[in-house]
């Protein structure tokens, strides 16, 4: 499919996760971008152990290693030298302010839905950039329409990270897409469409079904 970056879900057992990460690294190769996402699954001590076990295999980042409200834990893990991504810690603007004040992350993951829509997502990205915090676009397994919204937000955020790839993967989660024409993506770069609105249209057959009375 052309993808050049990957993320491994961790956060249950640091020893097992260390073994799984080592195996994932073996599969993708030494120089491939490979990050991790714990989805708040670890306690601080577990996260430290996981970092120790994974470090020889070069994890690119550690996303939301501990509970959303444990900003001190995020800060302490950030000092271990592997970039920390804040996800569940940041839903609202006040959450972003708290992360910034605690110096709890190197990168913020922005979701269009989690932020409350495209405008709020862009606003949060701009504020993060003003304080020197990079952003990436996170994914909830969006359809083609959702991915198009992700792409528009990504294009409007001045601080979108160039070091860490965003999760704008289009409709690869689904056996059938709903767009008339898929997003222009080669697995590494996705390009903004030159069309009004989100720049996409539904497959006519699906659009007809949705408008049946």
Protein backbone atom coordinates (compact mmCIF):
# COMPACT_ATOMS: atom_id res chain seq x y z
CA UNK A 1 0.00 0.00 0.00
CA UNK A 2 3.02 2.29 0.05
CA UNK A 3 3.07 3.17 3.76
CA UNK A 4 6.45 4.14 5.18
CA UNK A 5 5.51 4.77 8.82
CA UNK A 6 3.78 2.60 11.41
CA UNK A 7 2.43 2.71 14.96
CA UNK A 8 2.24 -0.25 17.34
CA UNK A 9 -0.47 -0.39 20.01
CA UNK A 10 0.97 -1.07 23.47
CA UNK A 11 -0.11 -0.36 27.05
CA UNK A 12 -1.10 -3.67 28.67
CA UNK A 13 2.07 -5.53 29.68
CA UNK A 14 5.38 -3.69 29.31
CA UNK A 15 7.41 -6.91 28.98
CA UNK A 16 5.12 -8.36 26.32
CA UNK A 17 4.98 -4.96 24.61
CA UNK A 18 8.79 -4.86 24.57
CA UNK A 19 8.89 -8.25 22.84
CA UNK A 20 6.21 -7.24 20.37
CA UNK A 21 7.99 -4.00 19.53
CA UNK A 22 11.25 -5.86 18.94
CA UNK A 23 9.42 -8.20 16.55
CA UNK A 24 7.72 -5.29 14.77
CA UNK A 25 11.09 -3.63 14.32
CA UNK A 26 12.44 -6.86 12.81
CA UNK A 27 9.52 -6.92 10.35
CA UNK A 28 9.77 -3.31 9.16
CA UNK A 29 13.55 -2.90 9.23
CA UNK A 30 16.01 -0.85 11.22
CA UNK A 31 15.42 2.50 9.50
CA UNK A 32 11.61 2.48 9.12
CA UNK A 33 9.63 4.98 11.21
CA UNK A 34 7.94 2.97 13.99
CA UNK A 35 6.14 4.60 16.90
CA UNK A 36 3.99 3.36 19.79
CA UNK A 37 0.63 4.26 21.33
CA UNK A 38 -0.31 3.13 24.85
CA UNK A 39 -3.74 4.86 24.95
CA UNK A 40 -3.27 5.69 28.69
CA UNK A 41 -2.62 2.01 29.48
CA UNK A 42 0.47 2.24 31.70
CA UNK A 43 1.28 3.36 35.19
CA UNK A 44 4.44 5.48 35.35
CA UNK A 45 6.64 2.58 36.47
CA UNK A 46 5.27 0.36 33.67
CA UNK A 47 5.89 3.06 31.09
CA UNK A 48 9.49 3.45 32.26
CA UNK A 49 10.04 -0.31 31.97
CA UNK A 50 8.49 -0.37 28.50
CA UNK A 51 10.78 2.46 27.39
CA UNK A 52 13.81 0.63 28.78
CA UNK A 53 12.87 -2.56 26.89
CA UNK A 54 11.99 -0.84 23.62
CA UNK A 55 14.81 1.69 23.52
CA UNK A 56 17.36 -0.66 21.82
CA UNK A 57 14.87 -1.02 18.96
CA UNK A 58 14.50 2.72 18.42
CA UNK A 59 10.87 3.70 19.03
CA UNK A 60 10.13 6.95 17.21
CA UNK A 61 7.68 8.20 19.82
CA UNK A 62 5.59 7.22 22.85
CA UNK A 63 1.97 8.30 22.51
CA UNK A 64 -0.15 8.85 25.63
CA UNK A 65 1.79 6.43 27.86
CA UNK A 66 -0.09 7.19 31.08
CA UNK A 67 -3.47 8.47 32.24
CA UNK A 68 -4.78 11.58 30.53
CA UNK A 69 -4.59 13.64 33.71
CA UNK A 70 -1.11 12.49 34.75
CA UNK A 71 0.74 15.41 33.22
CA UNK A 72 3.59 15.12 35.70
CA UNK A 73 4.08 11.53 34.58
CA UNK A 74 4.06 12.65 30.95
CA UNK A 75 6.70 15.27 31.78
CA UNK A 76 8.91 12.74 33.54
CA UNK A 77 8.67 10.28 30.64
CA UNK A 78 9.42 13.06 28.18
CA UNK A 79 12.77 13.52 29.93
CA UNK A 80 13.77 9.93 29.06
CA UNK A 81 14.64 11.09 25.56
CA UNK A 82 11.88 9.48 23.47
CA UNK A 83 9.37 12.05 22.15
CA UNK A 84 6.02 11.99 23.97
CA UNK A 85 2.78 12.59 22.08
CA UNK A 86 -0.28 13.88 23.96
CA UNK A 87 -3.58 12.47 22.72
CA UNK A 88 -6.21 11.69 25.37
CA UNK A 89 -4.71 14.48 27.48
CA UNK A 90 -5.98 17.10 25.01
CA UNK A 91 -9.66 17.39 24.14
CA UNK A 92 -10.38 21.05 24.87
CA UNK A 93 -8.44 24.30 24.77
CA UNK A 94 -8.02 24.27 28.55
CA UNK A 95 -6.48 20.78 28.27
CA UNK A 96 -3.93 22.13 25.80
CA UNK A 97 -3.09 24.98 28.16
CA UNK A 98 -2.51 22.48 30.98
CA UNK A 99 -0.20 20.34 28.80
CA UNK A 100 1.78 23.41 27.77
CA UNK A 101 2.16 24.62 31.37
CA UNK A 102 3.30 21.18 32.54
CA UNK A 103 5.70 20.76 29.60
CA UNK A 104 4.06 17.35 29.27
CA UNK A 105 4.54 16.60 25.56
CA UNK A 106 6.71 17.12 22.53
CA UNK A 107 3.79 16.76 20.11
CA UNK A 108 0.00 17.08 20.30
CA UNK A 109 -2.30 14.71 18.40
CA UNK A 110 -5.30 16.59 16.98
CA UNK A 111 -8.51 14.79 16.01
CA UNK A 112 -11.18 16.62 14.05
CA UNK A 113 -13.98 14.97 16.04
CA UNK A 114 -12.26 15.06 19.43
CA UNK A 115 -11.59 18.77 19.07
CA UNK A 116 -15.23 19.55 18.21
CA UNK A 117 -14.92 20.07 14.45
CA UNK A 118 -12.46 21.43 11.88
CA UNK A 119 -12.48 25.05 13.09
CA UNK A 120 -11.69 24.14 16.70
CA UNK A 121 -9.05 21.65 15.60
CA UNK A 122 -7.29 24.35 13.57
CA UNK A 123 -7.57 26.80 16.46
CA UNK A 124 -5.90 24.35 18.83
CA UNK A 125 -3.17 23.64 16.30
CA UNK A 126 -2.44 27.33 15.89
CA UNK A 127 -2.24 27.90 19.63
CA UNK A 128 0.06 24.91 20.06
CA UNK A 129 2.30 26.25 17.31
CA UNK A 130 2.44 29.68 18.96
CA UNK A 131 3.94 28.02 22.04
CA UNK A 132 6.36 25.82 20.10
CA UNK A 133 4.41 22.54 20.33
CA UNK A 134 4.19 20.48 17.14
CA UNK A 135 0.93 18.86 16.03
CA UNK A 136 -0.01 15.71 14.17
CA UNK A 137 -3.43 14.63 12.90
CA UNK A 138 -4.78 11.58 14.72
CA UNK A 139 -7.26 9.04 13.39
CA UNK A 140 -10.40 7.29 14.62
CA UNK A 141 -10.69 5.13 11.51
CA UNK A 142 -12.47 7.81 9.49
CA UNK A 143 -14.29 7.18 6.24
CA UNK A 144 -13.23 9.04 3.12
CA UNK A 145 -15.25 12.11 4.13
CA UNK A 146 -13.64 12.16 7.57
CA UNK A 147 -10.20 11.73 6.04
CA UNK A 148 -10.91 14.67 3.73
CA UNK A 149 -11.71 16.79 6.81
CA UNK A 150 -8.44 15.63 8.41
CA UNK A 151 -6.55 16.73 5.31
CA UNK A 152 -8.14 20.19 5.26
CA UNK A 153 -7.26 20.70 8.93
CA UNK A 154 -3.69 19.50 8.34
CA UNK A 155 -3.26 22.03 5.53
CA UNK A 156 -4.49 24.87 7.76
CA UNK A 157 -2.30 24.18 10.82
CA UNK A 158 1.00 26.11 10.75
CA UNK A 159 2.70 23.81 13.25
CA UNK A 160 1.97 20.48 11.58
CA UNK A 161 4.93 18.26 12.38
CA UNK A 162 7.27 17.27 9.59
CA UNK A 163 9.15 14.88 11.91
CA UNK A 164 6.13 12.78 12.85
CA UNK A 165 3.64 11.58 10.21
CA UNK A 166 -0.08 12.23 10.61
CA UNK A 167 -2.72 9.48 10.45
CA UNK A 168 -4.44 10.62 7.25
CA UNK A 169 -4.71 7.18 5.69
CA UNK A 170 -8.00 7.53 3.80
CA UNK A 171 -10.28 4.52 3.52
CA UNK A 172 -7.76 1.73 4.08
CA UNK A 173 -9.69 0.55 7.14
CA UNK A 174 -12.65 -0.38 4.94
CA UNK A 175 -13.26 -2.99 2.25
CA UNK A 176 -15.26 -0.47 0.19
CA UNK A 177 -14.81 3.29 0.04
CA UNK A 178 -17.65 5.80 -0.05
CA UNK A 179 -15.97 8.49 -2.14
CA UNK A 180 -16.48 8.91 -5.87
CA UNK A 181 -12.72 9.44 -6.15
CA UNK A 182 -10.29 8.44 -3.36
CA UNK A 183 -7.93 10.96 -1.82
CA UNK A 184 -4.72 11.38 -3.80
CA UNK A 185 -2.36 9.39 -1.58
CA UNK A 186 0.65 7.22 -2.28
CA UNK A 187 0.94 6.00 1.32
CA UNK A 188 3.58 8.59 2.16
CA UNK A 189 2.06 11.86 0.96
CA UNK A 190 -1.62 12.79 0.63
CA UNK A 191 -2.46 15.79 -1.54
CA UNK A 192 -5.15 18.40 -1.04
CA UNK A 193 -7.90 18.20 -3.71
CA UNK A 194 -8.66 21.24 -5.86
CA UNK A 195 -12.42 21.36 -5.30
CA UNK A 196 -14.93 23.26 -3.11
CA UNK A 197 -15.68 22.36 0.49
CA UNK A 198 -13.89 19.25 1.66
CA UNK A 199 -12.89 18.64 -1.94
CA UNK A 200 -14.57 15.23 -2.24
CA UNK A 201 -17.89 13.79 -3.42
CA UNK A 202 -19.74 10.61 -2.43
CA UNK A 203 -19.96 7.64 -4.74
CA UNK A 204 -23.24 8.28 -6.67
CA UNK A 205 -24.70 4.88 -5.73
CA UNK A 206 -24.07 5.50 -2.03
CA UNK A 207 -25.37 9.08 -2.28
CA UNK A 208 -28.58 7.77 -3.88
CA UNK A 209 -29.11 5.26 -1.07
CA UNK A 210 -28.61 7.95 1.55
CA UNK A 211 -31.22 10.19 -0.05
CA UNK A 212 -33.89 7.52 -0.63
CA UNK A 213 -37.23 8.28 1.00
